[in-house]
C-alpha cells in the first residue's frame, strides 16, 4: 500500500492484530502516515486496559490475512 486515504483507515479501524502464531495483540486504533510521502508507516493499536500502553507496529511488518479478516505481525528469527 503506497498511499493511505480515509477509506483505507476506515477499512482497517478496529481490525484485529495477531502474532504469526495467532495470539491476539490488539486491534487497530489509528494509522500513522508520513507527512511528506503520504505512505502508511505505522499501525497504532488500541490502548491496553491493563497498562494503558500504546503499541506502534511498522506497516512493513504486517500482512493482511483476508481469510481471517485480520492483520498478522510477523518477525524474523
C-alpha atoms as a PDB file:
ATOM      1  CA  UNK A   1       0.000   0.000   0.000  1.00  0.00           C
ATOM      2  CA  UNK A   2       1.707   3.181  -1.093  1.00  0.00           C
ATOM      3  CA  UNK A   3      -0.861   5.737  -0.016  1.00  0.00           C
ATOM      4  CA  UNK A   4      -3.317   5.799   2.809  1.00  0.00           C
ATOM      5  CA  UNK A   5      -6.630   7.542   2.307  1.00  0.00           C
ATOM      6  CA  UNK A   6      -9.615   7.841   4.598  1.00  0.00           C
ATOM      7  CA  UNK A   7     -11.279   4.749   3.116  1.00  0.00           C
ATOM      8  CA  UNK A   8      -8.221   2.642   3.984  1.00  0.00           C
ATOM      9  CA  UNK A   9      -8.275   3.975   7.523  1.00  0.00           C
ATOM     10  CA  UNK A  10     -11.946   3.142   7.858  1.00  0.00           C
ATOM     11  CA  UNK A  11     -11.312  -0.346   6.497  1.00  0.00           C
ATOM     12  CA  UNK A  12      -8.514  -1.055   8.999  1.00  0.00           C
ATOM     13  CA  UNK A  13     -10.019   0.653  12.061  1.00  0.00           C
ATOM     14  CA  UNK A  14     -10.843  -1.970  14.678  1.00  0.00           C
ATOM     15  CA  UNK A  15      -9.178  -4.734  12.677  1.00  0.00           C
ATOM     16  CA  UNK A  16      -7.693  -7.412  14.961  1.00  0.00           C
ATOM     17  CA  UNK A  17      -3.896  -7.776  15.010  1.00  0.00           C
ATOM     18  CA  UNK A  18      -2.333 -11.132  15.888  1.00  0.00           C
ATOM     19  CA  UNK A  19       1.123 -12.703  16.028  1.00  0.00           C
ATOM     20  CA  UNK A  20       2.181 -15.202  13.392  1.00  0.00           C
ATOM     21  CA  UNK A  21       1.185 -17.920  15.884  1.00  0.00           C
ATOM     22  CA  UNK A  22      -2.339 -16.456  16.122  1.00  0.00           C
ATOM     23  CA  UNK A  23      -2.119 -14.826  19.581  1.00  0.00           C
ATOM     24  CA  UNK A  24      -4.099 -11.602  19.736  1.00  0.00           C
ATOM     25  CA  UNK A  25      -2.022  -8.434  20.214  1.00  0.00           C
ATOM     26  CA  UNK A  26      -4.799  -5.869  19.944  1.00  0.00           C
ATOM     27  CA  UNK A  27      -6.826  -4.011  17.370  1.00  0.00           C
ATOM     28  CA  UNK A  28      -6.100  -1.081  15.070  1.00  0.00           C
ATOM     29  CA  UNK A  29      -6.842   2.262  16.708  1.00  0.00           C
ATOM     30  CA  UNK A  30      -5.326   4.599  14.122  1.00  0.00           C
ATOM     31  CA  UNK A  31      -2.695   4.874  11.402  1.00  0.00           C
ATOM     32  CA  UNK A  32       0.455   6.991  11.178  1.00  0.00           C
ATOM     33  CA  UNK A  33       1.176   8.343   7.714  1.00  0.00           C
ATOM     34  CA  UNK A  34       4.393  10.030   6.540  1.00  0.00           C
ATOM     35  CA  UNK A  35       3.528  13.712   6.029  1.00  0.00           C
ATOM     36  CA  UNK A  36       5.865  14.110   3.045  1.00  0.00           C
ATOM     37  CA  UNK A  37       5.302  10.903   1.095  1.00  0.00           C
ATOM     38  CA  UNK A  38       1.765  10.122   2.316  1.00  0.00           C
ATOM     39  CA  UNK A  39       2.806   6.496   2.806  1.00  0.00           C
ATOM     40  CA  UNK A  40       1.451   4.418   5.650  1.00  0.00           C
ATOM     41  CA  UNK A  41       4.258   3.916   8.188  1.00  0.00           C
ATOM     42  CA  UNK A  42       2.773   2.558  11.428  1.00  0.00           C
ATOM     43  CA  UNK A  43      -0.368   0.887  12.668  1.00  0.00           C
ATOM     44  CA  UNK A  44      -1.224   2.063  16.175  1.00  0.00           C
ATOM     45  CA  UNK A  45      -3.042  -0.431  18.362  1.00  0.00           C
ATOM     46  CA  UNK A  46      -5.758   0.431  20.853  1.00  0.00           C
ATOM     47  CA  UNK A  47      -4.505   1.062  24.367  1.00  0.00           C
ATOM     48  CA  UNK A  48      -4.473  -1.873  26.719  1.00  0.00           C
ATOM     49  CA  UNK A  49      -6.962  -1.592  29.540  1.00  0.00           C
ATOM     50  CA  UNK A  50      -4.465  -3.115  31.967  1.00  0.00           C
ATOM     51  CA  UNK A  51      -1.486  -0.822  31.496  1.00  0.00           C
ATOM     52  CA  UNK A  52      -2.557   1.862  29.016  1.00  0.00           C
ATOM     53  CA  UNK A  53       0.403   1.073  26.734  1.00  0.00           C
ATOM     54  CA  UNK A  54       0.401   2.366  23.166  1.00  0.00           C
ATOM     55  CA  UNK A  55       1.811  -0.043  20.618  1.00  0.00           C
ATOM     56  CA  UNK A  56       3.083   1.041  17.192  1.00  0.00           C
ATOM     57  CA  UNK A  57       3.827  -1.655  14.627  1.00  0.00           C
ATOM     58  CA  UNK A  58       5.649  -0.818  11.380  1.00  0.00           C
ATOM     59  CA  UNK A  59       3.370  -1.319   8.385  1.00  0.00           C
ATOM     60  CA  UNK A  60       6.019  -3.379   6.559  1.00  0.00           C
ATOM     61  CA  UNK A  61       5.958  -5.954   9.412  1.00  0.00           C
ATOM     62  CA  UNK A  62       2.273  -6.745   8.850  1.00  0.00           C
ATOM     63  CA  UNK A  63       0.281  -8.600   6.272  1.00  0.00           C
ATOM     64  CA  UNK A  64      -3.464  -8.854   5.852  1.00  0.00           C
ATOM     65  CA  UNK A  65      -4.946 -12.321   6.289  1.00  0.00           C
ATOM     66  CA  UNK A  66      -8.060 -11.945   4.132  1.00  0.00           C
ATOM     67  CA  UNK A  67      -9.409 -15.390   5.025  1.00  0.00           C
ATOM     68  CA  UNK A  68      -9.497 -14.457   8.738  1.00  0.00           C
ATOM     69  CA  UNK A  69     -10.058 -10.695   8.320  1.00  0.00           C
ATOM     70  CA  UNK A  70      -7.052  -9.690  10.439  1.00  0.00           C
ATOM     71  CA  UNK A  71      -3.574  -8.216  10.300  1.00  0.00           C
ATOM     72  CA  UNK A  72      -0.709 -10.564  11.156  1.00  0.00           C
ATOM     73  CA  UNK A  73       2.504  -9.281  12.746  1.00  0.00           C
ATOM     74  CA  UNK A  74       5.471 -11.396  11.752  1.00  0.00           C
ATOM     75  CA  UNK A  75       9.067 -11.231  12.926  1.00  0.00           C
ATOM     76  CA  UNK A  76      12.257 -12.638  11.514  1.00  0.00           C
ATOM     77  CA  UNK A  77      14.387 -15.031  13.524  1.00  0.00           C
END
